[in-house]
Amino acid sequence: MEDKQFHKKLRKLIVDYIVAGYETLKQFPSDEKYGMTSQCKRALVSIFLNYTEGYARISKGVTKNLYEIAYGSLKESIGVFFLATKMYFIPTKNYISLFNQKEEIAKMLWKSIEGIEQDKKIK
């Protein structure tokens, strides 16, 4: 498993992404409150909760599964923001900023998932 500094950095990046995402969602039209806005909020929170729970688990299989769910939620959230640019809810520059944040998180999450796979192969 990664060292504590890696975990701390990844958690901070995830929290920063969630905060930026929530700020961006404020630009969505009010008629999306129960549609894309609600769905994206669930996806954003899911990233943090699943990563945090996965990090706390002892079983590598459970940890990997929770990290994969966090990764999927990350992809889901950026998908909503992509659609939002196409529907003119947010400026493209906002999407690009979120996308760049997402990329850094995705690389670190994927590294964590691959690390678990490598640990399983060694044993």
N, C-alpha and C. Protein backbone atom coordinates (compact mmCIF):
# COMPACT_ATOMS: atom_id res chain seq x y z
N MET A 1 0.84 -1.18 0.00
CA MET A 1 0.00 0.00 0.00
C MET A 1 0.89 1.25 0.00
N GLU A 2 0.37 2.30 -0.61
CA GLU A 2 1.14 3.53 -0.71
C GLU A 2 1.41 4.13 0.67
N ASP A 3 2.40 4.98 0.70
CA ASP A 3 2.72 5.61 1.98
C ASP A 3 1.66 6.66 2.35
N LYS A 4 1.74 7.12 3.58
CA LYS A 4 0.73 8.05 4.09
C LYS A 4 0.74 9.39 3.37
N GLN A 5 1.90 9.82 2.90
CA GLN A 5 1.98 11.09 2.17
C GLN A 5 1.20 11.00 0.86
N PHE A 6 1.33 9.86 0.17
CA PHE A 6 0.58 9.63 -1.07
C PHE A 6 -0.92 9.73 -0.78
N HIS A 7 -1.36 9.02 0.26
CA HIS A 7 -2.77 9.01 0.65
C HIS A 7 -3.24 10.43 0.99
N LYS A 8 -2.45 11.15 1.75
CA LYS A 8 -2.80 12.51 2.17
C LYS A 8 -2.93 13.42 0.95
N LYS A 9 -2.00 13.31 0.02
CA LYS A 9 -2.04 14.14 -1.19
C LYS A 9 -3.28 13.80 -2.03
N LEU A 10 -3.54 12.50 -2.20
CA LEU A 10 -4.69 12.10 -3.00
C LEU A 10 -6.00 12.56 -2.36
N ARG A 11 -6.11 12.41 -1.06
CA ARG A 11 -7.31 12.89 -0.37
C ARG A 11 -7.51 14.39 -0.58
N LYS A 12 -6.43 15.16 -0.48
CA LYS A 12 -6.52 16.61 -0.69
C LYS A 12 -6.97 16.94 -2.11
N LEU A 13 -6.40 16.24 -3.09
CA LEU A 13 -6.79 16.47 -4.48
C LEU A 13 -8.26 16.14 -4.70
N ILE A 14 -8.72 15.05 -4.09
CA ILE A 14 -10.12 14.67 -4.23
C ILE A 14 -11.02 15.73 -3.60
N VAL A 15 -10.68 16.18 -2.40
CA VAL A 15 -11.49 17.21 -1.74
C VAL A 15 -11.50 18.50 -2.56
N ASP A 16 -10.36 18.90 -3.07
CA ASP A 16 -10.30 20.11 -3.90
C ASP A 16 -11.17 19.97 -5.15
N TYR A 17 -11.16 18.78 -5.75
CA TYR A 17 -11.98 18.52 -6.94
C TYR A 17 -13.47 18.60 -6.59
N ILE A 18 -13.83 18.03 -5.46
CA ILE A 18 -15.23 18.06 -5.03
C ILE A 18 -15.69 19.50 -4.80
N VAL A 19 -14.88 20.28 -4.11
CA VAL A 19 -15.22 21.68 -3.84
C VAL A 19 -15.37 22.45 -5.16
N ALA A 20 -14.43 22.25 -6.08
CA ALA A 20 -14.51 22.91 -7.38
C ALA A 20 -15.74 22.44 -8.15
N GLY A 21 -16.03 21.16 -8.04
CA GLY A 21 -17.22 20.62 -8.71
C GLY A 21 -18.50 21.22 -8.17
N TYR A 22 -18.61 21.30 -6.86
CA TYR A 22 -19.80 21.89 -6.24
C TYR A 22 -19.95 23.36 -6.65
N GLU A 23 -18.84 24.09 -6.69
CA GLU A 23 -18.90 25.49 -7.13
C GLU A 23 -19.38 25.59 -8.57
N THR A 24 -18.91 24.69 -9.41
CA THR A 24 -19.32 24.67 -10.81
C THR A 24 -20.80 24.33 -10.94
N LEU A 25 -21.27 23.41 -10.12
CA LEU A 25 -22.68 23.00 -10.19
C LEU A 25 -23.63 24.16 -9.87
N LYS A 26 -23.16 25.16 -9.17
CA LYS A 26 -23.99 26.33 -8.87
C LYS A 26 -24.38 27.09 -10.15
N GLN A 27 -23.62 26.86 -11.23
CA GLN A 27 -23.89 27.52 -12.50
C GLN A 27 -24.96 26.79 -13.31
N PHE A 28 -25.30 25.57 -12.92
CA PHE A 28 -26.30 24.80 -13.65
C PHE A 28 -27.67 25.45 -13.48
N PRO A 29 -28.54 25.31 -14.48
CA PRO A 29 -29.88 25.88 -14.35
C PRO A 29 -30.68 25.19 -13.24
N SER A 30 -31.59 25.92 -12.65
CA SER A 30 -32.36 25.38 -11.52
C SER A 30 -33.20 24.17 -11.91
N ASP A 31 -33.59 24.07 -13.17
CA ASP A 31 -34.40 22.91 -13.56
C ASP A 31 -33.57 21.62 -13.64
N GLU A 32 -32.27 21.71 -13.45
CA GLU A 32 -31.40 20.52 -13.38
C GLU A 32 -31.14 20.09 -11.94
N LYS A 33 -31.77 20.76 -10.99
CA LYS A 33 -31.54 20.46 -9.57
C LYS A 33 -31.70 18.97 -9.26
N TYR A 34 -32.72 18.35 -9.81
CA TYR A 34 -32.98 16.93 -9.53
C TYR A 34 -32.48 16.02 -10.65
N GLY A 35 -31.80 16.60 -11.62
CA GLY A 35 -31.27 15.83 -12.73
C GLY A 35 -29.75 15.73 -12.64
N MET A 36 -29.08 16.42 -13.56
CA MET A 36 -27.62 16.33 -13.62
C MET A 36 -26.95 16.84 -12.36
N THR A 37 -27.49 17.88 -11.75
CA THR A 37 -26.87 18.43 -10.54
C THR A 37 -26.86 17.40 -9.42
N SER A 38 -27.99 16.80 -9.18
CA SER A 38 -28.10 15.79 -8.12
C SER A 38 -27.21 14.58 -8.41
N GLN A 39 -27.24 14.12 -9.65
CA GLN A 39 -26.43 12.96 -10.04
C GLN A 39 -24.94 13.25 -9.85
N CYS A 40 -24.52 14.43 -10.25
CA CYS A 40 -23.11 14.79 -10.14
C CYS A 40 -22.68 14.93 -8.69
N LYS A 41 -23.53 15.50 -7.86
CA LYS A 41 -23.19 15.62 -6.44
C LYS A 41 -22.97 14.25 -5.82
N ARG A 42 -23.84 13.29 -6.18
CA ARG A 42 -23.67 11.93 -5.65
C ARG A 42 -22.35 11.33 -6.13
N ALA A 43 -22.04 11.53 -7.40
CA ALA A 43 -20.79 11.00 -7.95
C ALA A 43 -19.58 11.64 -7.26
N LEU A 44 -19.62 12.94 -7.07
CA LEU A 44 -18.50 13.63 -6.42
C LEU A 44 -18.25 13.11 -5.01
N VAL A 45 -19.31 13.01 -4.23
CA VAL A 45 -19.17 12.54 -2.85
C VAL A 45 -18.72 11.08 -2.84
N SER A 46 -19.19 10.30 -3.80
CA SER A 46 -18.82 8.89 -3.89
C SER A 46 -17.31 8.70 -4.08
N ILE A 47 -16.68 9.60 -4.79
CA ILE A 47 -15.23 9.50 -5.00
C ILE A 47 -14.53 9.49 -3.64
N PHE A 48 -14.85 10.48 -2.83
CA PHE A 48 -14.20 10.63 -1.53
C PHE A 48 -14.55 9.49 -0.58
N LEU A 49 -15.83 9.17 -0.49
CA LEU A 49 -16.26 8.15 0.47
C LEU A 49 -15.71 6.77 0.13
N ASN A 50 -15.74 6.41 -1.14
CA ASN A 50 -15.23 5.09 -1.52
C ASN A 50 -13.72 5.00 -1.40
N TYR A 51 -13.02 6.07 -1.75
CA TYR A 51 -11.57 6.05 -1.58
C TYR A 51 -11.22 5.94 -0.09
N THR A 52 -11.87 6.73 0.73
CA THR A 52 -11.58 6.73 2.17
C THR A 52 -11.90 5.38 2.80
N GLU A 53 -13.05 4.82 2.44
CA GLU A 53 -13.39 3.51 2.99
C GLU A 53 -12.41 2.44 2.50
N GLY A 54 -12.04 2.51 1.24
CA GLY A 54 -11.09 1.54 0.69
C GLY A 54 -9.75 1.60 1.40
N TYR A 55 -9.30 2.80 1.67
CA TYR A 55 -8.02 2.98 2.36
C TYR A 55 -8.07 2.39 3.77
N ALA A 56 -9.23 2.41 4.38
CA ALA A 56 -9.38 1.93 5.76
C ALA A 56 -9.54 0.41 5.85
N ARG A 57 -9.80 -0.24 4.74
CA ARG A 57 -10.06 -1.68 4.76
C ARG A 57 -8.77 -2.49 4.82
N ILE A 58 -8.87 -3.66 5.42
CA ILE A 58 -7.72 -4.57 5.53
C ILE A 58 -7.62 -5.45 4.29
N SER A 59 -8.76 -5.94 3.81
CA SER A 59 -8.80 -6.84 2.66
C SER A 59 -8.41 -6.09 1.38
N LYS A 60 -7.38 -6.59 0.70
CA LYS A 60 -6.94 -5.95 -0.54
C LYS A 60 -8.01 -6.01 -1.62
N GLY A 61 -8.77 -7.11 -1.64
CA GLY A 61 -9.85 -7.24 -2.62
C GLY A 61 -10.93 -6.19 -2.42
N VAL A 62 -11.30 -5.96 -1.18
CA VAL A 62 -12.32 -4.94 -0.87
C VAL A 62 -11.76 -3.55 -1.17
N THR A 63 -10.51 -3.33 -0.79
CA THR A 63 -9.87 -2.04 -1.07
C THR A 63 -9.87 -1.75 -2.56
N LYS A 64 -9.45 -2.73 -3.35
CA LYS A 64 -9.40 -2.56 -4.81
C LYS A 64 -10.79 -2.25 -5.36
N ASN A 65 -11.79 -2.98 -4.90
CA ASN A 65 -13.16 -2.75 -5.37
C ASN A 65 -13.62 -1.33 -5.05
N LEU A 66 -13.37 -0.86 -3.85
CA LEU A 66 -13.78 0.49 -3.47
C LEU A 66 -13.01 1.55 -4.25
N TYR A 67 -11.73 1.32 -4.50
CA TYR A 67 -10.95 2.26 -5.32
C TYR A 67 -11.50 2.30 -6.75
N GLU A 68 -11.90 1.13 -7.27
CA GLU A 68 -12.47 1.10 -8.61
C GLU A 68 -13.80 1.85 -8.67
N ILE A 69 -14.60 1.74 -7.62
CA ILE A 69 -15.85 2.50 -7.56
C ILE A 69 -15.55 4.00 -7.53
N ALA A 70 -14.56 4.40 -6.73
CA ALA A 70 -14.16 5.81 -6.67
C ALA A 70 -13.71 6.29 -8.05
N TYR A 71 -12.94 5.45 -8.75
CA TYR A 71 -12.46 5.78 -10.09
C TYR A 71 -13.64 5.96 -11.05
N GLY A 72 -14.60 5.04 -10.98
CA GLY A 72 -15.79 5.15 -11.83
C GLY A 72 -16.59 6.40 -11.53
N SER A 73 -16.72 6.74 -10.27
CA SER A 73 -17.45 7.96 -9.89
C SER A 73 -16.73 9.20 -10.38
N LEU A 74 -15.41 9.17 -10.37
CA LEU A 74 -14.61 10.28 -10.91
C LEU A 74 -14.92 10.47 -12.39
N LYS A 75 -14.94 9.36 -13.13
CA LYS A 75 -15.25 9.42 -14.57
C LYS A 75 -16.68 9.89 -14.80
N GLU A 76 -17.60 9.42 -13.95
CA GLU A 76 -18.99 9.83 -14.06
C GLU A 76 -19.13 11.34 -13.86
N SER A 77 -18.47 11.87 -12.86
CA SER A 77 -18.60 13.30 -12.58
C SER A 77 -18.05 14.15 -13.72
N ILE A 78 -16.93 13.76 -14.28
CA ILE A 78 -16.38 14.57 -15.37
C ILE A 78 -17.24 14.44 -16.62
N GLY A 79 -17.92 13.31 -16.75
CA GLY A 79 -18.87 13.15 -17.86
C GLY A 79 -20.01 14.14 -17.77
N VAL A 80 -20.50 14.37 -16.56
CA VAL A 80 -21.56 15.36 -16.36
C VAL A 80 -21.06 16.75 -16.74
N PHE A 81 -19.84 17.08 -16.32
CA PHE A 81 -19.31 18.40 -16.65
C PHE A 81 -19.07 18.55 -18.15
N PHE A 82 -18.69 17.47 -18.82
CA PHE A 82 -18.53 17.52 -20.28
C PHE A 82 -19.88 17.82 -20.94
N LEU A 83 -20.91 17.09 -20.52
CA LEU A 83 -22.26 17.35 -21.06
C LEU A 83 -22.68 18.79 -20.77
N ALA A 84 -22.33 19.28 -19.60
CA ALA A 84 -22.71 20.65 -19.23
C ALA A 84 -22.10 21.69 -20.16
N THR A 85 -20.90 21.42 -20.68
CA THR A 85 -20.31 22.37 -21.65
C THR A 85 -21.08 22.31 -22.96
N LYS A 86 -21.49 21.12 -23.35
CA LYS A 86 -22.22 20.95 -24.61
C LYS A 86 -23.62 21.56 -24.53
N MET A 87 -24.15 21.64 -23.32
CA MET A 87 -25.48 22.21 -23.12
C MET A 87 -25.39 23.69 -22.70
N TYR A 88 -24.17 24.23 -22.71
CA TYR A 88 -23.90 25.64 -22.38
C TYR A 88 -24.28 26.01 -20.95
N PHE A 89 -24.16 25.05 -20.03
CA PHE A 89 -24.39 25.35 -18.62
C PHE A 89 -23.15 25.98 -18.00
N ILE A 90 -21.98 25.56 -18.47
CA ILE A 90 -20.71 26.06 -17.94
C ILE A 90 -19.76 26.39 -19.08
N PRO A 91 -18.84 27.33 -18.87
CA PRO A 91 -17.84 27.63 -19.90
C PRO A 91 -16.84 26.48 -20.04
N THR A 92 -16.31 26.34 -21.23
CA THR A 92 -15.34 25.29 -21.50
C THR A 92 -14.13 25.40 -20.58
N LYS A 93 -13.73 26.62 -20.23
CA LYS A 93 -12.56 26.79 -19.36
C LYS A 93 -12.79 26.14 -17.99
N ASN A 94 -14.02 26.17 -17.50
CA ASN A 94 -14.33 25.50 -16.22
C ASN A 94 -14.16 24.00 -16.37
N TYR A 95 -14.65 23.48 -17.48
CA TYR A 95 -14.52 22.04 -17.74
C TYR A 95 -13.05 21.64 -17.82
N ILE A 96 -12.26 22.42 -18.52
CA ILE A 96 -10.84 22.10 -18.68
C ILE A 96 -10.14 22.08 -17.32
N SER A 97 -10.45 23.03 -16.48
CA SER A 97 -9.86 23.06 -15.14
C SER A 97 -10.24 21.81 -14.35
N LEU A 98 -11.52 21.44 -14.37
CA LEU A 98 -11.97 20.22 -13.68
C LEU A 98 -11.34 18.98 -14.30
N PHE A 99 -11.23 18.98 -15.62
CA PHE A 99 -10.63 17.83 -16.32
C PHE A 99 -9.18 17.64 -15.88
N ASN A 100 -8.44 18.73 -15.78
CA ASN A 100 -7.05 18.63 -15.36
C ASN A 100 -6.93 18.10 -13.93
N GLN A 101 -7.82 18.57 -13.06
CA GLN A 101 -7.83 18.04 -11.69
C GLN A 101 -8.16 16.55 -11.71
N LYS A 102 -9.15 16.19 -12.50
CA LYS A 102 -9.57 14.79 -12.61
C LYS A 102 -8.43 13.91 -13.08
N GLU A 103 -7.66 14.38 -14.03
CA GLU A 103 -6.55 13.59 -14.57
C GLU A 103 -5.52 13.23 -13.50
N GLU A 104 -5.17 14.19 -12.68
CA GLU A 104 -4.19 13.93 -11.62
C GLU A 104 -4.73 12.91 -10.61
N ILE A 105 -5.99 13.07 -10.25
CA ILE A 105 -6.61 12.13 -9.32
C ILE A 105 -6.68 10.74 -9.95
N ALA A 106 -7.10 10.68 -11.20
CA ALA A 106 -7.25 9.40 -11.89
C ALA A 106 -5.93 8.64 -11.95
N LYS A 107 -4.85 9.34 -12.24
CA LYS A 107 -3.53 8.69 -12.29
C LYS A 107 -3.16 8.09 -10.93
N MET A 108 -3.41 8.84 -9.89
CA MET A 108 -3.06 8.36 -8.55
C MET A 108 -3.96 7.20 -8.12
N LEU A 109 -5.24 7.30 -8.41
CA LEU A 109 -6.15 6.20 -8.08
C LEU A 109 -5.77 4.94 -8.84
N TRP A 110 -5.46 5.11 -10.14
CA TRP A 110 -5.09 3.96 -10.95
C TRP A 110 -3.79 3.33 -10.45
N LYS A 111 -2.87 4.16 -10.04
CA LYS A 111 -1.62 3.65 -9.47
C LYS A 111 -1.93 2.81 -8.22
N SER A 112 -2.86 3.26 -7.42
CA SER A 112 -3.25 2.52 -6.22
C SER A 112 -3.88 1.18 -6.59
N ILE A 113 -4.74 1.19 -7.59
CA ILE A 113 -5.39 -0.05 -8.05
C ILE A 113 -4.35 -1.02 -8.60
N GLU A 114 -3.45 -0.51 -9.43
CA GLU A 114 -2.40 -1.37 -9.99
C GLU A 114 -1.48 -1.90 -8.90
N GLY A 115 -1.21 -1.10 -7.88
CA GLY A 115 -0.37 -1.55 -6.77
C GLY A 115 -0.97 -2.74 -6.06
N ILE A 116 -2.29 -2.72 -5.89
CA ILE A 116 -2.97 -3.85 -5.25
C ILE A 116 -2.87 -5.08 -6.14
N GLU A 117 -3.04 -4.90 -7.45
CA GLU A 117 -2.91 -6.02 -8.38
C GLU A 117 -1.51 -6.62 -8.31
N GLN A 118 -0.49 -5.77 -8.25
CA GLN A 118 0.89 -6.27 -8.17
C GLN A 118 1.11 -7.03 -6.88
N ASP A 119 0.58 -6.52 -5.78
CA ASP A 119 0.70 -7.22 -4.49
C ASP A 119 0.09 -8.60 -4.56
N LYS A 120 -1.04 -8.72 -5.27
CA LYS A 120 -1.72 -10.01 -5.38
C LYS A 120 -0.89 -10.99 -6.21
N LYS A 121 -0.21 -10.49 -7.25
CA LYS A 121 0.59 -11.35 -8.12
C LYS A 121 1.85 -11.85 -7.43
N ILE A 122 2.39 -11.05 -6.53
CA ILE A 122 3.62 -11.42 -5.82
C ILE A 122 3.37 -12.59 -4.90
N LYS A 123 2.20 -12.64 -4.30
CA LYS A 123 1.90 -13.69 -3.32
C LYS A 123 1.52 -14.99 -3.94
